[in-house]
C-alpha atoms as a PDB file:
ATOM      1  CA  MET A   1      97.860 101.219  98.732  1.00  0.00           C
ATOM      2  CA  ASP A   2      99.696 100.980 102.018  1.00  0.00           C
ATOM      3  CA  THR A   3     100.032 103.562 104.773  1.00  0.00           C
ATOM      4  CA  GLN A   4     103.618 104.343 103.889  1.00  0.00           C
ATOM      5  CA  ASP A   5     102.600 105.538 100.407  1.00  0.00           C
ATOM      6  CA  TYR A   6      99.847 107.710 101.865  1.00  0.00           C
ATOM      7  CA  ASN A   7     102.306 109.182 104.363  1.00  0.00           C
ATOM      8  CA  LYS A   8     104.837 109.973 101.635  1.00  0.00           C
ATOM      9  CA  ALA A   9     102.180 111.761  99.580  1.00  0.00           C
ATOM     10  CA  GLU A  10     100.945 113.732 102.592  1.00  0.00           C
ATOM     11  CA  ASN A  11     104.496 114.724 103.544  1.00  0.00           C
ATOM     12  CA  ALA A  12     105.189 115.934 100.015  1.00  0.00           C
ATOM     13  CA  VAL A  13     102.022 118.018 100.026  1.00  0.00           C
ATOM     14  CA  ASP A  14     102.821 119.421 103.477  1.00  0.00           C
ATOM     15  CA  LYS A  15     106.304 120.327 102.281  1.00  0.00           C
ATOM     16  CA  ALA A  16     104.908 122.206  99.282  1.00  0.00           C
ATOM     17  CA  LYS A  17     102.131 123.921 101.233  1.00  0.00           C
ATOM     18  CA  TRP A  18     103.631 127.226 102.298  1.00  0.00           C
ATOM     19  CA  THR A  19     101.460 129.832 104.001  1.00  0.00           C
ATOM     20  CA  ILE A  20     101.972 133.573 103.659  1.00  0.00           C
ATOM     21  CA  ASN A  21     103.861 133.605 106.963  1.00  0.00           C
ATOM     22  CA  ASP A  22     106.022 130.706 105.816  1.00  0.00           C
ATOM     23  CA  TYR A  23     106.871 132.594 102.624  1.00  0.00           C
ATOM     24  CA  ALA A  24     107.766 135.690 104.615  1.00  0.00           C
ATOM     25  CA  ASP A  25     109.960 133.699 107.014  1.00  0.00           C
ATOM     26  CA  ARG A  26     111.671 131.877 104.177  1.00  0.00           C
ATOM     27  CA  ALA A  27     112.237 135.124 102.301  1.00  0.00           C
ATOM     28  CA  LYS A  28     113.846 136.610 105.436  1.00  0.00           C
ATOM     29  CA  ASP A  29     116.040 133.505 105.749  1.00  0.00           C
ATOM     30  CA  TYR A  30     117.102 133.859 102.116  1.00  0.00           C
ATOM     31  CA  ILE A  31     117.962 137.532 102.606  1.00  0.00           C
ATOM     32  CA  ARG A  32     119.971 136.752 105.771  1.00  0.00           C
ATOM     33  CA  GLU A  33     121.840 133.903 104.051  1.00  0.00           C
ATOM     34  CA  GLN A  34     122.752 136.075 101.082  1.00  0.00           C
ATOM     35  CA  ARG A  35     123.998 138.876 103.327  1.00  0.00           C
ATOM     36  CA  GLU A  36     126.042 136.420 105.405  1.00  0.00           C
ATOM     37  CA  LYS A  37     127.753 135.405 102.150  1.00  0.00           C
ATOM     38  CA  ASN A  38     128.244 139.100 101.294  1.00  0.00           C
ATOM     39  CA  GLU A  39     125.977 138.672  98.298  1.00  0.00           C
ATOM     40  CA  GLU A  40     123.060 140.834  97.264  1.00  0.00           C
ATOM     41  CA  PRO A  41     119.696 139.123  97.736  1.00  0.00           C
ATOM     42  CA  THR A  42     117.654 139.348  94.571  1.00  0.00           C
ATOM     43  CA  HIS A  43     114.088 138.744  93.572  1.00  0.00           C
ATOM     44  CA  GLU A  44     115.335 136.255  90.985  1.00  0.00           C
ATOM     45  CA  GLY A  45     117.356 134.383  93.614  1.00  0.00           C
ATOM     46  CA  TRP A  46     114.366 134.187  95.903  1.00  0.00           C
ATOM     47  CA  MET A  47     112.118 132.975  93.080  1.00  0.00           C
ATOM     48  CA  GLU A  48     114.687 130.327  92.164  1.00  0.00           C
ATOM     49  CA  ARG A  49     114.735 129.054  95.747  1.00  0.00           C
ATOM     50  CA  ALA A  50     110.934 128.889  95.872  1.00  0.00           C
ATOM     51  CA  ARG A  51     110.826 127.167  92.469  1.00  0.00           C
ATOM     52  CA  ASN A  52     113.361 124.561  93.615  1.00  0.00           C
ATOM     53  CA  ASN A  53     111.346 123.839  96.759  1.00  0.00           C
ATOM     54  CA  ILE A  54     108.162 123.405  94.769  1.00  0.00           C
ATOM     55  CA  SER A  55     109.979 121.279  92.202  1.00  0.00           C
ATOM     56  CA  ASP A  56     111.359 119.008  94.939  1.00  0.00           C
ATOM     57  CA  ALA A  57     107.905 118.660  96.482  1.00  0.00           C
ATOM     58  CA  TRP A  58     106.436 117.838  93.063  1.00  0.00           C
ATOM     59  CA  GLU A  59     109.039 115.122  92.493  1.00  0.00           C
ATOM     60  CA  ASP A  60     108.329 113.666  95.950  1.00  0.00           C
ATOM     61  CA  THR A  61     104.600 113.724  95.187  1.00  0.00           C
ATOM     62  CA  LYS A  62     105.072 112.022  91.814  1.00  0.00           C
ATOM     63  CA  ASP A  63     107.207 109.313  93.423  1.00  0.00           C
ATOM     64  CA  ALA A  64     104.667 108.671  96.186  1.00  0.00           C
ATOM     65  CA  VAL A  65     101.765 108.593  93.745  1.00  0.00           C
ATOM     66  CA  SER A  66     103.660 106.276  91.381  1.00  0.00           C
ATOM     67  CA  ASN A  67     104.492 103.917  94.223  1.00  0.00           C
ATOM     68  CA  ALA A  68     100.889 103.958  95.386  1.00  0.00           C
ATOM     69  CA  TRP A  69      99.692 103.186  91.866  1.00  0.00           C
ATOM     70  CA  GLU A  70     102.079 100.271  91.438  1.00  0.00           C
ATOM     71  CA  THR A  71     101.244  98.856  94.864  1.00  0.00           C
ATOM     72  CA  THR A  72      97.515  99.148  94.234  1.00  0.00           C
ATOM     73  CA  LYS A  73      97.827  97.685  90.747  1.00  0.00           C
ATOM     74  CA  ASP A  74      99.863  94.740  92.052  1.00  0.00           C
ATOM     75  CA  LEU A  75      97.331  94.075  94.814  1.00  0.00           C
ATOM     76  CA  ALA A  76      94.454  94.256  92.346  1.00  0.00           C
ATOM     77  CA  ASP A  77      96.237  91.919  89.922  1.00  0.00           C
ATOM     78  CA  ASP A  78      96.915  89.436  92.738  1.00  0.00           C
ATOM     79  CA  ALA A  79      93.295  89.599  93.889  1.00  0.00           C
ATOM     80  CA  TRP A  80      92.077  89.044  90.328  1.00  0.00           C
ATOM     81  CA  GLU A  81      94.322  86.004  89.896  1.00  0.00           C
ATOM     82  CA  LYS A  82      93.165  84.529  93.208  1.00  0.00           C
ATOM     83  CA  THR A  83      89.533  85.125  92.244  1.00  0.00           C
ATOM     84  CA  LYS A  84      90.023  83.413  88.887  1.00  0.00           C
ATOM     85  CA  ASP A  85      91.760  80.484  90.571  1.00  0.00           C
ATOM     86  CA  ALA A  86      88.976  80.164  93.143  1.00  0.00           C
ATOM     87  CA  ALA A  87      86.355  80.250  90.375  1.00  0.00           C
ATOM     88  CA  GLU A  88      88.184  77.497  88.479  1.00  0.00           C
ATOM     89  CA  ASP A  89      88.408  75.415  91.666  1.00  0.00           C
ATOM     90  CA  ALA A  90      84.678  75.912  92.287  1.00  0.00           C
ATOM     91  CA  LYS A  91      83.867  74.856  88.700  1.00  0.00           C
ATOM     92  CA  ALA A  92      85.981  71.747  89.116  1.00  0.00           C
ATOM     93  CA  GLU A  93      84.208  70.868  92.368  1.00  0.00           C
ATOM     94  CA  VAL A  94      80.799  71.323  90.694  1.00  0.00           C
ATOM     95  CA  ARG A  95      81.896  69.095  87.811  1.00  0.00           C
ATOM     96  CA  LYS A  96      83.028  66.407  90.255  1.00  0.00           C
ATOM     97  CA  ALA A  97      79.801  66.566  92.210  1.00  0.00           C
ATOM     98  CA  THR A  98      77.572  66.353  89.118  1.00  0.00           C
ATOM     99  CA  ASN A  99      79.415  63.473  87.426  1.00  0.00           C
END
């Protein structure tokens, strides 16, 4: 797994990790935005915004984890193939030396 995949996963987690103060600040922002649009802020609207943020973070996390899995799997498959090839080469060398 390369550093870029780790960074993507960490960023997704950081994005989803809201503290109590972050929630309060974001709730205030939501209320201000709704009032600026002359709309009534609602609990349901706030919950929808929070749900969307968490959903986006989850999708980012799934993508990063999937990419990490594929990268790791590809590296492992390549290493396995190289190991098998090296073992076959070693067997052939032993056969040559003993004949």
